Amino acid sequence: MTPIAADQDWYNQNVTGKVRDVINNIYARGGDPLRNAQDRAQISMLMNSIPYGEIAKLRSSAENAKEYLKERAKLEAAGLYNPMTEKYAGPGLDTFSTLDNGVWNRMSPVPY
């Protein structure tokens, strides 16, 4: 889980969705991955094709974004956070994409 919406969408489409589709197709045609070596091989090929480098970037970015949200909550509680000044610090979590922009590296929002 990540607070970055574009990253979560990419993960759901390219990892979770592909695995779910393969397993659903196996069961839809009457296969059983526990009993059929061909079905297990199909799942193994899928697991080997998952882009683990991109997933590592997403995981790192998610950890940084969660830390950023904790710091933002502290500033909001102290009355020092203004979302209008935050938009000048760069893209926000709602428009950021790790695979397009790199790893999220902001650990603290701009205090007001």
PDB file of N, CA and C in Angstrom:
ATOM      1  N   MET A   1       0.840  -1.181   0.000  1.00  0.00           N
ATOM      2  CA  MET A   1       0.000   0.000   0.000  1.00  0.00           C
ATOM      3  C   MET A   1       0.878   1.234   0.000  1.00  0.00           C
ATOM      4  N   THR A   2       0.473   2.187  -0.788  1.00  0.00           N
ATOM      5  CA  THR A   2       1.228   3.423  -0.887  1.00  0.00           C
ATOM      6  C   THR A   2       0.264   4.603  -0.943  1.00  0.00           C
ATOM      7  N   PRO A   3       0.649   5.743  -0.390  1.00  0.00           N
ATOM      8  CA  PRO A   3      -0.213   6.923  -0.496  1.00  0.00           C
ATOM      9  C   PRO A   3      -0.157   7.585  -1.870  1.00  0.00           C
ATOM     10  N   ILE A   4       0.724   7.132  -2.723  1.00  0.00           N
ATOM     11  CA  ILE A   4       0.861   7.709  -4.067  1.00  0.00           C
ATOM     12  C   ILE A   4      -0.089   6.954  -4.999  1.00  0.00           C
ATOM     13  N   ALA A   5      -1.114   7.630  -5.446  1.00  0.00           N
ATOM     14  CA  ALA A   5      -2.193   6.990  -6.201  1.00  0.00           C
ATOM     15  C   ALA A   5      -1.705   6.363  -7.506  1.00  0.00           C
ATOM     16  N   ALA A   6      -0.873   7.051  -8.250  1.00  0.00           N
ATOM     17  CA  ALA A   6      -0.404   6.517  -9.529  1.00  0.00           C
ATOM     18  C   ALA A   6       0.415   5.249  -9.336  1.00  0.00           C
ATOM     19  N   ASP A   7       1.198   5.200  -8.268  1.00  0.00           N
ATOM     20  CA  ASP A   7       1.995   4.004  -7.985  1.00  0.00           C
ATOM     21  C   ASP A   7       1.103   2.829  -7.630  1.00  0.00           C
ATOM     22  N   GLN A   8       0.076   3.079  -6.825  1.00  0.00           N
ATOM     23  CA  GLN A   8      -0.837   2.007  -6.443  1.00  0.00           C
ATOM     24  C   GLN A   8      -1.581   1.476  -7.666  1.00  0.00           C
ATOM     25  N   ASP A   9      -1.985   2.377  -8.553  1.00  0.00           N
ATOM     26  CA  ASP A   9      -2.671   1.953  -9.777  1.00  0.00           C
ATOM     27  C   ASP A   9      -1.759   1.089 -10.639  1.00  0.00           C
ATOM     28  N   TRP A  10      -0.491   1.497 -10.788  1.00  0.00           N
ATOM     29  CA  TRP A  10       0.457   0.723 -11.585  1.00  0.00           C
ATOM     30  C   TRP A  10       0.641  -0.666 -10.978  1.00  0.00           C
ATOM     31  N   TYR A  11       0.802  -0.742  -9.664  1.00  0.00           N
ATOM     32  CA  TYR A  11       1.002  -2.028  -8.998  1.00  0.00           C
ATOM     33  C   TYR A  11      -0.215  -2.928  -9.178  1.00  0.00           C
ATOM     34  N   ASN A  12      -1.389  -2.355  -9.008  1.00  0.00           N
ATOM     35  CA  ASN A  12      -2.611  -3.151  -9.170  1.00  0.00           C
ATOM     36  C   ASN A  12      -2.756  -3.678 -10.590  1.00  0.00           C
ATOM     37  N   GLN A  13      -2.370  -2.893 -11.565  1.00  0.00           N
ATOM     38  CA  GLN A  13      -2.508  -3.300 -12.959  1.00  0.00           C
ATOM     39  C   GLN A  13      -1.420  -4.287 -13.379  1.00  0.00           C
ATOM     40  N   ASN A  14      -0.175  -4.021 -13.025  1.00  0.00           N
ATOM     41  CA  ASN A  14       0.949  -4.795 -13.547  1.00  0.00           C
ATOM     42  C   ASN A  14       1.401  -5.959 -12.678  1.00  0.00           C
ATOM     43  N   VAL A  15       0.983  -6.007 -11.451  1.00  0.00           N
ATOM     44  CA  VAL A  15       1.397  -7.111 -10.583  1.00  0.00           C
ATOM     45  C   VAL A  15       0.167  -7.888 -10.121  1.00  0.00           C
ATOM     46  N   THR A  16      -0.623  -7.288  -9.277  1.00  0.00           N
ATOM     47  CA  THR A  16      -1.787  -7.973  -8.720  1.00  0.00           C
ATOM     48  C   THR A  16      -2.757  -8.397  -9.815  1.00  0.00           C
ATOM     49  N   GLY A  17      -3.017  -7.523 -10.747  1.00  0.00           N
ATOM     50  CA  GLY A  17      -3.964  -7.822 -11.818  1.00  0.00           C
ATOM     51  C   GLY A  17      -3.501  -8.956 -12.704  1.00  0.00           C
ATOM     52  N   LYS A  18      -2.213  -8.973 -13.061  1.00  0.00           N
ATOM     53  CA  LYS A  18      -1.703 -10.036 -13.928  1.00  0.00           C
ATOM     54  C   LYS A  18      -1.746 -11.392 -13.228  1.00  0.00           C
ATOM     55  N   VAL A  19      -1.366 -11.413 -11.951  1.00  0.00           N
ATOM     56  CA  VAL A  19      -1.402 -12.672 -11.208  1.00  0.00           C
ATOM     57  C   VAL A  19      -2.838 -13.168 -11.093  1.00  0.00           C
ATOM     58  N   ARG A  20      -3.740 -12.275 -10.767  1.00  0.00           N
ATOM     59  CA  ARG A  20      -5.150 -12.654 -10.640  1.00  0.00           C
ATOM     60  C   ARG A  20      -5.696 -13.179 -11.972  1.00  0.00           C
ATOM     61  N   ASP A  21      -5.331 -12.518 -13.080  1.00  0.00           N
ATOM     62  CA  ASP A  21      -5.818 -12.947 -14.392  1.00  0.00           C
ATOM     63  C   ASP A  21      -5.314 -14.348 -14.748  1.00  0.00           C
ATOM     64  N   VAL A  22      -4.038 -14.615 -14.496  1.00  0.00           N
ATOM     65  CA  VAL A  22      -3.484 -15.933 -14.818  1.00  0.00           C
ATOM     66  C   VAL A  22      -4.158 -17.014 -13.989  1.00  0.00           C
ATOM     67  N   ILE A  23      -4.301 -16.776 -12.696  1.00  0.00           N
ATOM     68  CA  ILE A  23      -4.924 -17.780 -11.834  1.00  0.00           C
ATOM     69  C   ILE A  23      -6.389 -17.975 -12.209  1.00  0.00           C
ATOM     70  N   ASN A  24      -7.100 -16.898 -12.495  1.00  0.00           N
ATOM     71  CA  ASN A  24      -8.501 -17.024 -12.915  1.00  0.00           C
ATOM     72  C   ASN A  24      -8.621 -17.797 -14.224  1.00  0.00           C
ATOM     73  N   ASN A  25      -7.709 -17.559 -15.178  1.00  0.00           N
ATOM     74  CA  ASN A  25      -7.742 -18.284 -16.450  1.00  0.00           C
ATOM     75  C   ASN A  25      -7.472 -19.773 -16.249  1.00  0.00           C
ATOM     76  N   ILE A  26      -6.560 -20.093 -15.340  1.00  0.00           N
ATOM     77  CA  ILE A  26      -6.274 -21.505 -15.070  1.00  0.00           C
ATOM     78  C   ILE A  26      -7.523 -22.200 -14.542  1.00  0.00           C
ATOM     79  N   TYR A  27      -8.164 -21.588 -13.567  1.00  0.00           N
ATOM     80  CA  TYR A  27      -9.367 -22.206 -13.000  1.00  0.00           C
ATOM     81  C   TYR A  27     -10.547 -22.183 -13.972  1.00  0.00           C
ATOM     82  N   ALA A  28     -10.622 -21.164 -14.835  1.00  0.00           N
ATOM     83  CA  ALA A  28     -11.727 -21.081 -15.789  1.00  0.00           C
ATOM     84  C   ALA A  28     -11.666 -22.208 -16.815  1.00  0.00           C
ATOM     85  N   ARG A  29     -10.486 -22.642 -17.181  1.00  0.00           N
ATOM     86  CA  ARG A  29     -10.371 -23.738 -18.142  1.00  0.00           C
ATOM     87  C   ARG A  29     -10.318 -25.098 -17.461  1.00  0.00           C
ATOM     88  N   GLY A  30     -10.550 -25.105 -16.135  1.00  0.00           N
ATOM     89  CA  GLY A  30     -10.628 -26.364 -15.414  1.00  0.00           C
ATOM     90  C   GLY A  30      -9.299 -26.863 -14.885  1.00  0.00           C
ATOM     91  N   GLY A  31      -8.276 -26.040 -14.936  1.00  0.00           N
ATOM     92  CA  GLY A  31      -6.964 -26.447 -14.448  1.00  0.00           C
ATOM     93  C   GLY A  31      -6.861 -26.348 -12.934  1.00  0.00           C
ATOM     94  N   ASP A  32      -5.849 -26.969 -12.398  1.00  0.00           N
ATOM     95  CA  ASP A  32      -5.594 -26.928 -10.969  1.00  0.00           C
ATOM     96  C   ASP A  32      -4.084 -26.819 -10.761  1.00  0.00           C
ATOM     97  N   PRO A  33      -3.597 -25.667 -10.309  1.00  0.00           N
ATOM     98  CA  PRO A  33      -2.153 -25.499 -10.172  1.00  0.00           C
ATOM     99  C   PRO A  33      -1.522 -26.438  -9.142  1.00  0.00           C
ATOM    100  N   LEU A  34      -2.303 -26.982  -8.237  1.00  0.00           N
ATOM    101  CA  LEU A  34      -1.741 -27.910  -7.257  1.00  0.00           C
ATOM    102  C   LEU A  34      -1.485 -29.287  -7.866  1.00  0.00           C
ATOM    103  N   ARG A  35      -2.216 -29.632  -8.902  1.00  0.00           N
ATOM    104  CA  ARG A  35      -2.098 -30.976  -9.486  1.00  0.00           C
ATOM    105  C   ARG A  35      -1.455 -30.989 -10.863  1.00  0.00           C
ATOM    106  N   ASN A  36      -1.380 -29.855 -11.514  1.00  0.00           N
ATOM    107  CA  ASN A  36      -0.913 -29.820 -12.895  1.00  0.00           C
ATOM    108  C   ASN A  36       0.401 -29.047 -12.979  1.00  0.00           C
ATOM    109  N   ALA A  37       1.435 -29.707 -13.450  1.00  0.00           N
ATOM    110  CA  ALA A  37       2.753 -29.074 -13.558  1.00  0.00           C
ATOM    111  C   ALA A  37       2.743 -27.936 -14.584  1.00  0.00           C
ATOM    112  N   GLN A  38       1.959 -28.062 -15.633  1.00  0.00           N
ATOM    113  CA  GLN A  38       1.893 -27.006 -16.649  1.00  0.00           C
ATOM    114  C   GLN A  38       1.311 -25.725 -16.050  1.00  0.00           C
ATOM    115  N   ASP A  39       0.290 -25.847 -15.205  1.00  0.00           N
ATOM    116  CA  ASP A  39      -0.294 -24.673 -14.558  1.00  0.00           C
ATOM    117  C   ASP A  39       0.700 -24.043 -13.590  1.00  0.00           C
ATOM    118  N   ARG A  40       1.437 -24.878 -12.862  1.00  0.00           N
ATOM    119  CA  ARG A  40       2.461 -24.339 -11.962  1.00  0.00           C
ATOM    120  C   ARG A  40       3.558 -23.635 -12.745  1.00  0.00           C
ATOM    121  N   ALA A  41       3.908 -24.174 -13.891  1.00  0.00           N
ATOM    122  CA  ALA A  41       4.930 -23.556 -14.732  1.00  0.00           C
ATOM    123  C   ALA A  41       4.449 -22.204 -15.266  1.00  0.00           C
ATOM    124  N   GLN A  42       3.181 -22.119 -15.601  1.00  0.00           N
ATOM    125  CA  GLN A  42       2.631 -20.848 -16.079  1.00  0.00           C
ATOM    126  C   GLN A  42       2.702 -19.783 -14.983  1.00  0.00           C
ATOM    127  N   ILE A  43       2.383 -20.161 -13.750  1.00  0.00           N
ATOM    128  CA  ILE A  43       2.471 -19.222 -12.632  1.00  0.00           C
ATOM    129  C   ILE A  43       3.927 -18.857 -12.370  1.00  0.00           C
ATOM    130  N   SER A  44       4.817 -19.827 -12.470  1.00  0.00           N
ATOM    131  CA  SER A  44       6.249 -19.568 -12.264  1.00  0.00           C
ATOM    132  C   SER A  44       6.788 -18.600 -13.319  1.00  0.00           C
ATOM    133  N   MET A  45       6.389 -18.778 -14.570  1.00  0.00           N
ATOM    134  CA  MET A  45       6.827 -17.863 -15.632  1.00  0.00           C
ATOM    135  C   MET A  45       6.325 -16.452 -15.353  1.00  0.00           C
ATOM    136  N   LEU A  46       5.099 -16.344 -14.876  1.00  0.00           N
ATOM    137  CA  LEU A  46       4.554 -15.031 -14.538  1.00  0.00           C
ATOM    138  C   LEU A  46       5.359 -14.395 -13.414  1.00  0.00           C
ATOM    139  N   MET A  47       5.658 -15.164 -12.381  1.00  0.00           N
ATOM    140  CA  MET A  47       6.409 -14.620 -11.243  1.00  0.00           C
ATOM    141  C   MET A  47       7.809 -14.178 -11.661  1.00  0.00           C
ATOM    142  N   ASN A  48       8.405 -14.882 -12.618  1.00  0.00           N
ATOM    143  CA  ASN A  48       9.731 -14.499 -13.103  1.00  0.00           C
ATOM    144  C   ASN A  48       9.699 -13.276 -14.003  1.00  0.00           C
ATOM    145  N   SER A  49       8.536 -12.935 -14.524  1.00  0.00           N
ATOM    146  CA  SER A  49       8.429 -11.779 -15.418  1.00  0.00           C
ATOM    147  C   SER A  49       8.021 -10.497 -14.697  1.00  0.00           C
ATOM    148  N   ILE A  50       7.761 -10.597 -13.397  1.00  0.00           N
ATOM    149  CA  ILE A  50       7.353  -9.406 -12.643  1.00  0.00           C
ATOM    150  C   ILE A  50       8.542  -8.451 -12.530  1.00  0.00           C
ATOM    151  N   PRO A  51       8.340  -7.167 -12.770  1.00  0.00           N
ATOM    152  CA  PRO A  51       9.440  -6.188 -12.735  1.00  0.00           C
ATOM    153  C   PRO A  51       9.826  -5.812 -11.298  1.00  0.00           C
ATOM    154  N   TYR A  52      10.689  -6.608 -10.694  1.00  0.00           N
ATOM    155  CA  TYR A  52      11.046  -6.407  -9.290  1.00  0.00           C
ATOM    156  C   TYR A  52      11.803  -5.104  -9.054  1.00  0.00           C
ATOM    157  N   GLY A  53      12.541  -4.605 -10.047  1.00  0.00           N
ATOM    158  CA  GLY A  53      13.232  -3.326  -9.903  1.00  0.00           C
ATOM    159  C   GLY A  53      12.265  -2.170  -9.703  1.00  0.00           C
ATOM    160  N   GLU A  54      11.201  -2.158 -10.498  1.00  0.00           N
ATOM    161  CA  GLU A  54      10.192  -1.124 -10.353  1.00  0.00           C
ATOM    162  C   GLU A  54       9.461  -1.248  -9.026  1.00  0.00           C
ATOM    163  N   ILE A  55       9.207  -2.477  -8.595  1.00  0.00           N
ATOM    164  CA  ILE A  55       8.520  -2.684  -7.318  1.00  0.00           C
ATOM    165  C   ILE A  55       9.392  -2.162  -6.174  1.00  0.00           C
ATOM    166  N   ALA A  56      10.698  -2.357  -6.265  1.00  0.00           N
ATOM    167  CA  ALA A  56      11.604  -1.839  -5.223  1.00  0.00           C
ATOM    168  C   ALA A  56      11.558  -0.320  -5.169  1.00  0.00           C
ATOM    169  N   LYS A  57      11.507   0.318  -6.338  1.00  0.00           N
ATOM    170  CA  LYS A  57      11.380   1.781  -6.374  1.00  0.00           C
ATOM    171  C   LYS A  57      10.070   2.223  -5.734  1.00  0.00           C
ATOM    172  N   LEU A  58       8.993   1.529  -6.065  1.00  0.00           N
ATOM    173  CA  LEU A  58       7.694   1.878  -5.506  1.00  0.00           C
ATOM    174  C   LEU A  58       7.685   1.713  -3.990  1.00  0.00           C
ATOM    175  N   ARG A  59       8.315   0.651  -3.510  1.00  0.00           N
ATOM    176  CA  ARG A  59       8.349   0.398  -2.063  1.00  0.00           C
ATOM    177  C   ARG A  59       9.136   1.502  -1.348  1.00  0.00           C
ATOM    178  N   SER A  60      10.274   1.880  -1.908  1.00  0.00           N
ATOM    179  CA  SER A  60      11.083   2.943  -1.312  1.00  0.00           C
ATOM    180  C   SER A  60      10.327   4.267  -1.313  1.00  0.00           C
ATOM    181  N   SER A  61       9.692   4.552  -2.418  1.00  0.00           N
ATOM    182  CA  SER A  61       8.913   5.778  -2.531  1.00  0.00           C
ATOM    183  C   SER A  61       7.738   5.788  -1.552  1.00  0.00           C
ATOM    184  N   ALA A  62       7.103   4.639  -1.362  1.00  0.00           N
ATOM    185  CA  ALA A  62       5.964   4.537  -0.438  1.00  0.00           C
ATOM    186  C   ALA A  62       6.412   4.797   0.996  1.00  0.00           C
ATOM    187  N   GLU A  63       7.562   4.257   1.384  1.00  0.00           N
ATOM    188  CA  GLU A  63       8.062   4.488   2.740  1.00  0.00           C
ATOM    189  C   GLU A  63       8.345   5.972   2.968  1.00  0.00           C
ATOM    190  N   ASN A  64       8.967   6.615   1.979  1.00  0.00           N
ATOM    191  CA  ASN A  64       9.242   8.054   2.089  1.00  0.00           C
ATOM    192  C   ASN A  64       7.951   8.861   2.146  1.00  0.00           C
ATOM    193  N   ALA A  65       6.972   8.489   1.342  1.00  0.00           N
ATOM    194  CA  ALA A  65       5.708   9.219   1.325  1.00  0.00           C
ATOM    195  C   ALA A  65       4.957   9.066   2.643  1.00  0.00           C
ATOM    196  N   LYS A  66       5.028   7.887   3.249  1.00  0.00           N
ATOM    197  CA  LYS A  66       4.377   7.692   4.551  1.00  0.00           C
ATOM    198  C   LYS A  66       5.043   8.555   5.615  1.00  0.00           C
ATOM    199  N   GLU A  67       6.362   8.662   5.573  1.00  0.00           N
ATOM    200  CA  GLU A  67       7.081   9.528   6.515  1.00  0.00           C
ATOM    201  C   GLU A  67       6.692  10.992   6.284  1.00  0.00           C
ATOM    202  N   TYR A  68       6.565  11.364   5.025  1.00  0.00           N
ATOM    203  CA  TYR A  68       6.142  12.721   4.672  1.00  0.00           C
ATOM    204  C   TYR A  68       4.755  13.020   5.249  1.00  0.00           C
ATOM    205  N   LEU A  69       3.833  12.059   5.145  1.00  0.00           N
ATOM    206  CA  LEU A  69       2.480  12.267   5.672  1.00  0.00           C
ATOM    207  C   LEU A  69       2.477  12.394   7.191  1.00  0.00           C
ATOM    208  N   LYS A  70       3.354  11.656   7.868  1.00  0.00           N
ATOM    209  CA  LYS A  70       3.462  11.796   9.322  1.00  0.00           C
ATOM    210  C   LYS A  70       3.933  13.195   9.692  1.00  0.00           C
ATOM    211  N   GLU A  71       4.943  13.684   8.983  1.00  0.00           N
ATOM    212  CA  GLU A  71       5.460  15.028   9.258  1.00  0.00           C
ATOM    213  C   GLU A  71       4.414  16.087   8.917  1.00  0.00           C
ATOM    214  N   ARG A  72       3.660  15.862   7.844  1.00  0.00           N
ATOM    215  CA  ARG A  72       2.604  16.805   7.480  1.00  0.00           C
ATOM    216  C   ARG A  72       1.526  16.845   8.551  1.00  0.00           C
ATOM    217  N   ALA A  73       1.188  15.703   9.120  1.00  0.00           N
ATOM    218  CA  ALA A  73       0.184  15.649  10.191  1.00  0.00           C
ATOM    219  C   ALA A  73       0.661  16.433  11.415  1.00  0.00           C
ATOM    220  N   LYS A  74       1.945  16.350  11.709  1.00  0.00           N
ATOM    221  CA  LYS A  74       2.493  17.116  12.834  1.00  0.00           C
ATOM    222  C   LYS A  74       2.375  18.614  12.572  1.00  0.00           C
ATOM    223  N   LEU A  75       2.690  19.030  11.343  1.00  0.00           N
ATOM    224  CA  LEU A  75       2.570  20.453  11.005  1.00  0.00           C
ATOM    225  C   LEU A  75       1.117  20.909  11.025  1.00  0.00           C
ATOM    226  N   GLU A  76       0.218  20.059  10.549  1.00  0.00           N
ATOM    227  CA  GLU A  76      -1.203  20.416  10.580  1.00  0.00           C
ATOM    228  C   GLU A  76      -1.691  20.566  12.013  1.00  0.00           C
ATOM    229  N   ALA A  77      -1.246  19.700  12.896  1.00  0.00           N
ATOM    230  CA  ALA A  77      -1.654  19.776  14.301  1.00  0.00           C
ATOM    231  C   ALA A  77      -1.133  21.045  14.957  1.00  0.00           C
ATOM    232  N   ALA A  78       0.032  21.494  14.525  1.00  0.00           N
ATOM    233  CA  ALA A  78       0.617  22.710  15.080  1.00  0.00           C
ATOM    234  C   ALA A  78       0.106  23.963  14.370  1.00  0.00           C
ATOM    235  N   GLY A  79      -0.705  23.787  13.335  1.00  0.00           N
ATOM    236  CA  GLY A  79      -1.228  24.933  12.591  1.00  0.00           C
ATOM    237  C   GLY A  79      -0.199  25.564  11.659  1.00  0.00           C
ATOM    238  N   LEU A  80       0.801  24.793  11.258  1.00  0.00           N
ATOM    239  CA  LEU A  80       1.880  25.319  10.421  1.00  0.00           C
ATOM    240  C   LEU A  80       1.846  24.801   8.991  1.00  0.00           C
ATOM    241  N   TYR A  81       0.772  24.160   8.599  1.00  0.00           N
ATOM    242  CA  TYR A  81       0.692  23.596   7.257  1.00  0.00           C
ATOM    243  C   TYR A  81      -0.371  24.319   6.453  1.00  0.00           C
ATOM    244  N   ASN A  82       0.017  24.742   5.268  1.00  0.00           N
ATOM    245  CA  ASN A  82      -0.918  25.383   4.348  1.00  0.00           C
ATOM    246  C   ASN A  82      -0.762  24.696   2.991  1.00  0.00           C
ATOM    247  N   PRO A  83      -1.781  24.017   2.511  1.00  0.00           N
ATOM    248  CA  PRO A  83      -1.651  23.315   1.234  1.00  0.00           C
ATOM    249  C   PRO A  83      -1.382  24.245   0.056  1.00  0.00           C
ATOM    250  N   MET A  84      -1.720  25.510   0.179  1.00  0.00           N
ATOM    251  CA  MET A  84      -1.464  26.441  -0.924  1.00  0.00           C
ATOM    252  C   MET A  84       0.031  26.691  -1.102  1.00  0.00           C
ATOM    253  N   THR A  85       0.798  26.754  -0.014  1.00  0.00           N
ATOM    254  CA  THR A  85       2.248  26.943  -0.159  1.00  0.00           C
ATOM    255  C   THR A  85       2.926  25.643  -0.560  1.00  0.00           C
ATOM    256  N   GLU A  86       2.315  24.533  -0.264  1.00  0.00           N
ATOM    257  CA  GLU A  86       2.898  23.236  -0.591  1.00  0.00           C
ATOM    258  C   GLU A  86       2.980  22.998  -2.096  1.00  0.00           C
ATOM    259  N   LYS A  87       2.055  23.580  -2.851  1.00  0.00           N
ATOM    260  CA  LYS A  87       2.060  23.334  -4.294  1.00  0.00           C
ATOM    261  C   LYS A  87       3.285  23.942  -4.981  1.00  0.00           C
ATOM    262  N   TYR A  88       3.969  24.875  -4.331  1.00  0.00           N
ATOM    263  CA  TYR A  88       5.164  25.475  -4.913  1.00  0.00           C
ATOM    264  C   TYR A  88       6.414  24.636  -4.638  1.00  0.00           C
ATOM    265  N   ALA A  89       6.311  23.638  -3.791  1.00  0.00           N
ATOM    266  CA  ALA A  89       7.460  22.798  -3.448  1.00  0.00           C
ATOM    267  C   ALA A  89       7.650  21.658  -4.445  1.00  0.00           C
ATOM    268  N   GLY A  90       6.755  21.499  -5.368  1.00  0.00           N
ATOM    269  CA  GLY A  90       6.846  20.426  -6.351  1.00  0.00           C
ATOM    270  C   GLY A  90       5.544  19.653  -6.417  1.00  0.00           C
ATOM    271  N   PRO A  91       5.530  18.572  -7.181  1.00  0.00           N
ATOM    272  CA  PRO A  91       4.290  17.805  -7.313  1.00  0.00           C
ATOM    273  C   PRO A  91       3.884  17.173  -5.991  1.00  0.00           C
ATOM    274  N   GLY A  92       2.583  17.116  -5.772  1.00  0.00           N
ATOM    275  CA  GLY A  92       2.054  16.504  -4.559  1.00  0.00           C
ATOM    276  C   GLY A  92       1.855  15.016  -4.746  1.00  0.00           C
ATOM    277  N   LEU A  93       1.417  14.366  -3.695  1.00  0.00           N
ATOM    278  CA  LEU A  93       1.213  12.920  -3.748  1.00  0.00           C
ATOM    279  C   LEU A  93       0.132  12.515  -4.743  1.00  0.00           C
ATOM    280  N   ASP A  94      -0.822  13.411  -4.990  1.00  0.00           N
ATOM    281  CA  ASP A  94      -1.917  13.071  -5.904  1.00  0.00           C
ATOM    282  C   ASP A  94      -1.499  13.112  -7.373  1.00  0.00           C
ATOM    283  N   THR A  95      -0.439  13.842  -7.706  1.00  0.00           N
ATOM    284  CA  THR A  95      -0.003  13.943  -9.099  1.00  0.00           C
ATOM    285  C   THR A  95       1.357  13.311  -9.336  1.00  0.00           C
ATOM    286  N   PHE A  96       1.963  12.746  -8.321  1.00  0.00           N
ATOM    287  CA  PHE A  96       3.306  12.185  -8.430  1.00  0.00           C
ATOM    288  C   PHE A  96       3.251  10.749  -8.926  1.00  0.00           C
ATOM    289  N   SER A  97       4.248  10.358  -9.700  1.00  0.00           N
ATOM    290  CA  SER A  97       4.395   8.971 -10.153  1.00  0.00           C
ATOM    291  C   SER A  97       5.864   8.590 -10.013  1.00  0.00           C
ATOM    292  N   THR A  98       6.139   7.587  -9.223  1.00  0.00           N
ATOM    293  CA  THR A  98       7.521   7.176  -8.981  1.00  0.00           C
ATOM    294  C   THR A  98       8.212   6.727 -10.252  1.00  0.00           C
ATOM    295  N   LEU A  99       7.522   5.998 -11.098  1.00  0.00           N
ATOM    296  CA  LEU A  99       8.157   5.484 -12.307  1.00  0.00           C
ATOM    297  C   LEU A  99       8.425   6.578 -13.332  1.00  0.00           C
ATOM    298  N   ASP A 100       7.694   7.677 -13.269  1.00  0.00           N
ATOM    299  CA  ASP A 100       7.923   8.794 -14.184  1.00  0.00           C
ATOM    300  C   ASP A 100       8.855   9.848 -13.592  1.00  0.00           C
ATOM    301  N   ASN A 101       8.745  10.110 -12.289  1.00  0.00           N
ATOM    302  CA  ASN A 101       9.459  11.220 -11.653  1.00  0.00           C
ATOM    303  C   ASN A 101      10.618  10.781 -10.768  1.00  0.00           C
ATOM    304  N   GLY A 102      10.805   9.503 -10.545  1.00  0.00           N
ATOM    305  CA  GLY A 102      11.830   9.032  -9.623  1.00  0.00           C
ATOM    306  C   GLY A 102      11.237   8.788  -8.244  1.00  0.00           C
ATOM    307  N   VAL A 103      12.087   8.367  -7.320  1.00  0.00           N
ATOM    308  CA  VAL A 103      11.633   8.039  -5.974  1.00  0.00           C
ATOM    309  C   VAL A 103      11.233   9.307  -5.231  1.00  0.00           C
ATOM    310  N   TRP A 104      10.122   9.241  -4.514  1.00  0.00           N
ATOM    311  CA  TRP A 104       9.657  10.377  -3.694  1.00  0.00           C
ATOM    312  C   TRP A 104      10.705  10.611  -2.620  1.00  0.00           C
ATOM    313  N   ASN A 105      11.291  11.812  -2.601  1.00  0.00           N
ATOM    314  CA  ASN A 105      12.382  12.074  -1.657  1.00  0.00           C
ATOM    315  C   ASN A 105      12.098  13.216  -0.701  1.00  0.00           C
ATOM    316  N   ARG A 106      10.888  13.710  -0.697  1.00  0.00           N
ATOM    317  CA  ARG A 106      10.541  14.776   0.265  1.00  0.00           C
ATOM    318  C   ARG A 106      10.090  14.140   1.568  1.00  0.00           C
ATOM    319  N   MET A 107      10.790  14.437   2.624  1.00  0.00           N
ATOM    320  CA  MET A 107      10.464  13.847   3.926  1.00  0.00           C
ATOM    321  C   MET A 107       9.632  14.774   4.791  1.00  0.00           C
ATOM    322  N   SER A 108       9.625  16.040   4.454  1.00  0.00           N
ATOM    323  CA  SER A 108       8.870  16.989   5.266  1.00  0.00           C
ATOM    324  C   SER A 108       8.255  18.047   4.369  1.00  0.00           C
ATOM    325  N   PRO A 109       7.012  18.418   4.612  1.00  0.00           N
ATOM    326  CA  PRO A 109       6.398  19.475   3.804  1.00  0.00           C
ATOM    327  C   PRO A 109       6.959  20.846   4.195  1.00  0.00           C
ATOM    328  N   VAL A 110       6.644  21.829   3.406  1.00  0.00           N
ATOM    329  CA  VAL A 110       7.086  23.190   3.660  1.00  0.00           C
ATOM    330  C   VAL A 110       6.219  23.781   4.780  1.00  0.00           C
ATOM    331  N   PRO A 111       6.833  24.191   5.901  1.00  0.00           N
ATOM    332  CA  PRO A 111       6.014  24.804   6.963  1.00  0.00           C
ATOM    333  C   PRO A 111       5.529  26.175   6.524  1.00  0.00           C
ATOM    334  N   TYR A 112       4.382  26.585   7.054  1.00  0.00           N
ATOM    335  CA  TYR A 112       3.780  27.870   6.690  1.00  0.00           C
ATOM    336  C   TYR A 112       4.156  28.887   7.711  1.00  0.00           C
TER     337      TYR A 112
END
